[in-house]
Protein backbone atom coordinates (compact mmCIF):
# COMPACT_ATOMS: atom_id res chain seq x y z
CA MET A 1 4.85 16.32 18.29
CA TRP A 2 6.10 17.43 15.17
CA ASP A 3 8.88 19.20 16.60
CA THR A 4 10.53 16.00 18.04
CA ARG A 5 9.03 13.04 16.38
CA GLY A 6 8.14 14.85 13.10
CA ARG A 7 11.92 15.85 12.82
CA LEU A 8 12.92 12.24 13.90
CA LEU A 9 11.02 10.84 10.86
CA GLU A 10 12.16 13.22 8.63
CA GLU A 11 15.89 12.60 9.33
CA VAL A 12 15.36 8.84 9.30
CA ALA A 13 13.52 9.04 6.00
CA ARG A 14 16.09 11.32 4.69
CA GLN A 15 18.87 8.66 5.24
CA ILE A 16 17.03 5.90 3.49
CA PRO A 17 18.57 5.78 0.13
CA ALA A 18 16.61 5.84 -3.12
CA SER A 19 16.87 2.55 -5.42
CA ARG A 20 18.88 2.84 -8.49
CA SER A 21 17.27 0.02 -10.02
CA ALA A 22 14.04 -2.10 -9.67
CA ASP A 23 15.49 -3.47 -6.39
CA CYS A 24 13.98 -2.62 -3.07
CA VAL A 25 15.72 -0.86 -0.22
CA ARG A 26 15.27 -2.80 2.94
CA VAL A 27 15.03 -0.88 6.44
CA ALA A 28 15.03 -2.84 9.81
CA VAL A 29 13.76 -1.32 12.90
CA ASP A 30 14.99 -3.23 15.80
CA GLY A 31 14.96 -2.74 19.60
CA VAL A 32 13.88 -4.60 22.91
CA ASP A 33 10.49 -5.67 23.59
CA GLY A 34 7.91 -2.70 24.06
CA ALA A 35 10.33 -0.18 22.95
CA GLY A 36 7.86 1.04 20.13
CA LYS A 37 9.33 -0.56 17.20
CA THR A 38 5.93 -1.21 15.45
CA MET A 39 4.65 2.10 16.01
CA PHE A 40 7.85 3.81 14.85
CA ALA A 41 7.93 1.72 11.78
CA ASP A 42 4.09 2.32 10.97
CA GLU A 43 4.64 6.04 11.41
CA LEU A 44 8.10 5.88 9.19
CA ALA A 45 5.96 4.08 6.32
CA SER A 46 3.23 6.74 6.51
CA PHE A 47 5.85 9.38 6.38
CA LEU A 48 7.54 7.78 3.22
CA ARG A 49 4.06 7.16 1.40
CA ALA A 50 3.18 10.90 2.02
CA GLY A 51 6.60 11.72 0.26
CA GLY A 52 5.64 9.34 -2.95
CA ARG A 53 7.68 6.44 -2.04
CA PRO A 54 6.11 2.93 -2.45
CA VAL A 55 6.70 1.23 1.08
CA ILE A 56 6.09 -2.55 2.20
CA ARG A 57 5.31 -2.97 5.86
CA VAL A 58 6.26 -6.39 7.46
CA SER A 59 6.48 -7.28 11.10
CA ALA A 60 8.71 -10.36 12.17
CA ASP A 61 5.74 -11.09 14.56
CA GLY A 62 4.26 -12.80 11.53
CA PHE A 63 7.18 -15.05 11.34
CA HIS A 64 7.04 -16.61 14.78
CA HIS A 65 7.54 -20.55 15.21
CA ARG A 66 4.56 -22.50 16.39
CA ARG A 67 4.11 -22.86 20.15
CA ALA A 68 5.37 -26.45 20.03
CA ILE A 69 8.56 -25.17 19.11
CA ARG A 70 8.73 -21.79 20.67
CA TYR A 71 8.25 -23.52 24.16
CA THR A 72 10.35 -26.34 23.57
CA ARG A 73 12.66 -25.21 26.44
CA GLY A 74 9.68 -23.87 28.72
CA ARG A 75 7.69 -20.66 28.24
CA ASP A 76 9.96 -18.71 30.82
CA SER A 77 13.16 -19.85 29.21
CA PRO A 78 15.49 -17.04 28.11
CA LEU A 79 17.43 -19.50 25.82
CA GLY A 80 14.25 -20.72 24.14
CA PHE A 81 13.12 -17.14 23.68
CA TRP A 82 16.41 -16.35 22.06
CA LEU A 83 16.84 -19.42 19.85
CA ASP A 84 13.28 -20.53 19.38
CA SER A 85 10.91 -17.67 19.13
CA TYR A 86 11.32 -16.87 15.21
CA ASP A 87 11.30 -18.74 12.07
CA TYR A 88 14.24 -17.05 10.53
CA ASP A 89 14.29 -19.40 7.55
CA SER A 90 10.75 -18.03 6.46
CA LEU A 91 11.64 -14.54 7.17
CA ARG A 92 14.63 -14.89 5.06
CA THR A 93 13.33 -16.77 2.32
CA GLU A 94 9.90 -15.29 1.96
CA VAL A 95 10.80 -11.37 2.66
CA LEU A 96 14.50 -10.51 2.89
CA GLU A 97 15.72 -12.45 -0.05
CA PRO A 98 12.98 -11.57 -2.61
CA LEU A 99 13.14 -7.84 -1.60
CA GLY A 100 16.82 -7.92 -1.82
CA PRO A 101 19.40 -7.19 -4.45
CA GLY A 102 18.26 -9.02 -7.63
CA GLY A 103 15.38 -10.55 -5.68
CA SER A 104 12.08 -11.50 -7.45
CA ARG A 105 9.79 -8.88 -5.23
CA ARG A 106 7.49 -11.72 -4.89
CA TYR A 107 7.00 -11.67 -1.03
CA LEU A 108 4.73 -12.78 1.84
CA THR A 109 3.60 -10.50 4.71
CA ALA A 110 3.34 -13.32 7.25
CA VAL A 111 3.33 -17.23 7.53
CA HIS A 112 2.09 -17.61 11.26
CA ASP A 113 -0.53 -16.03 13.31
CA VAL A 114 0.90 -15.79 16.75
CA ASP A 115 -2.48 -15.39 18.66
CA SER A 116 -4.14 -18.38 16.92
CA ASP A 117 -0.97 -20.46 16.47
CA GLU A 118 -2.05 -21.30 12.83
CA THR A 119 0.09 -21.53 10.14
CA LEU A 120 -1.19 -18.88 7.43
CA ASP A 121 -1.56 -19.54 3.67
CA LEU A 122 -1.63 -15.89 2.34
CA PRO A 123 -1.51 -14.75 -1.30
CA VAL A 124 2.01 -13.74 -2.68
CA ARG A 125 2.46 -10.20 -3.10
CA HIS A 126 4.59 -8.26 -5.83
CA ALA A 127 6.49 -5.47 -4.97
CA ASP A 128 6.69 -2.23 -6.74
CA PRO A 129 10.01 -1.59 -8.30
CA GLY A 130 12.30 0.57 -6.02
CA SER A 131 9.94 -0.03 -3.01
CA VAL A 132 11.08 0.43 0.56
CA LEU A 133 10.54 -2.54 2.87
CA ILE A 134 10.16 -1.50 6.67
CA LEU A 135 10.45 -4.60 8.74
CA ASP A 136 10.23 -4.31 12.62
CA GLY A 137 10.84 -6.92 15.09
CA LEU A 138 13.31 -8.24 17.67
CA PHE A 139 16.81 -9.68 17.12
CA LEU A 140 16.88 -8.44 13.65
CA HIS A 141 20.54 -8.16 13.78
CA ARG A 142 21.32 -12.06 14.26
CA ASP A 143 23.53 -13.85 12.14
CA GLU A 144 20.73 -15.42 10.33
CA LEU A 145 19.40 -12.42 9.19
CA ALA A 146 22.68 -10.61 8.40
CA VAL A 147 21.22 -8.94 5.30
CA ALA A 148 18.25 -7.64 7.14
CA GLY A 149 18.59 -3.97 6.03
CA GLN A 150 20.77 -1.37 4.21
CA ALA A 151 19.64 1.08 6.92
CA ALA A 152 18.67 0.35 10.48
CA GLU A 153 17.03 2.23 13.23
CA ARG A 154 17.17 0.80 16.76
CA ALA A 155 13.99 1.82 18.60
CA ARG A 156 14.80 2.74 22.32
CA ALA A 157 12.33 2.85 25.22
CA ASP A 158 13.53 6.42 26.06
CA ASP A 159 13.41 7.88 22.37
CA GLY A 160 9.80 9.25 21.84
CA ARG A 161 7.58 6.63 23.49
CA THR A 162 3.94 7.59 23.65
CA GLY A 163 2.60 5.13 26.04
CA GLN A 164 0.82 3.34 23.39
CA GLU A 165 3.27 0.32 23.02
CA GLN A 166 1.94 -3.29 23.32
CA ALA A 167 1.52 -4.86 26.58
CA PRO A 168 4.51 -7.03 27.91
CA HIS A 169 4.49 -10.49 26.89
CA PRO A 170 2.74 -12.92 29.31
CA SER A 171 6.26 -14.58 29.96
CA SER A 172 7.92 -11.04 30.61
CA LYS A 173 10.75 -12.68 32.91
CA ALA A 174 11.66 -14.60 29.77
CA PHE A 175 11.25 -11.48 27.56
CA ASN A 176 13.36 -9.56 29.76
CA SER A 177 16.28 -12.06 29.97
CA GLY A 178 16.04 -12.78 26.27
CA ASN A 179 16.42 -9.20 25.40
CA GLN A 180 19.17 -8.68 27.63
CA SER A 181 20.93 -11.86 26.19
CA ALA A 182 20.36 -10.35 22.75
CA ASP A 183 21.79 -6.90 23.48
CA PRO A 184 25.45 -7.62 22.56
CA VAL A 185 24.39 -9.07 19.47
CA ALA A 186 22.08 -6.14 18.59
CA PHE A 187 24.82 -3.77 19.26
CA ARG A 188 26.72 -5.12 16.39
CA ILE A 189 24.47 -3.06 14.20
CA ARG A 190 27.54 -1.56 12.59
CA ASP A 191 28.49 -5.05 11.39
CA ARG A 192 25.20 -5.48 9.57
CA CYS A 193 24.44 -2.36 7.81
CA PRO A 194 26.22 0.18 6.05
CA SER A 195 23.99 3.18 7.51
CA VAL A 196 23.08 3.27 11.00
CA MET A 197 20.97 6.02 12.18
């Protein structure tokens, strides 16, 4: 395990720059559904914490739109999956901007529970100076989130999967089609981040 996964984590962690001020460093872990993004992000967070760096873990899954919006075009709509799944305004204003350059460092970890479809009213948190935000999710290289991270790791299904990923979404047809539709955007990663691993 350490020979492969451990070396990968060590290399990715090495490339995440230290903050030269109180500002946070933002890292996006992107990839298609079921690629192992959350698992990798959790492992990277643990690795960084073990090295003494303060870490914030947020998942885009806490920023879904409510079902009434997500399924406006139908549960199996690839276009709806691409356009309507996430509340990018909230993700940007509650996470990316406050944890970005000159930000307040006051952030939310989620605004919506995708299972219950309830809007959440969580307490605002305050990040330590120089914290590393590790944000995982689909479509993090969209135009709406062009500032998603200074560094990015695209999780791939054939890179270190352990068989513990979440089961596919019930509307897997929409997920698969939506992921395929999103790939050209996701592959513009070099236009979104100065550092690509």
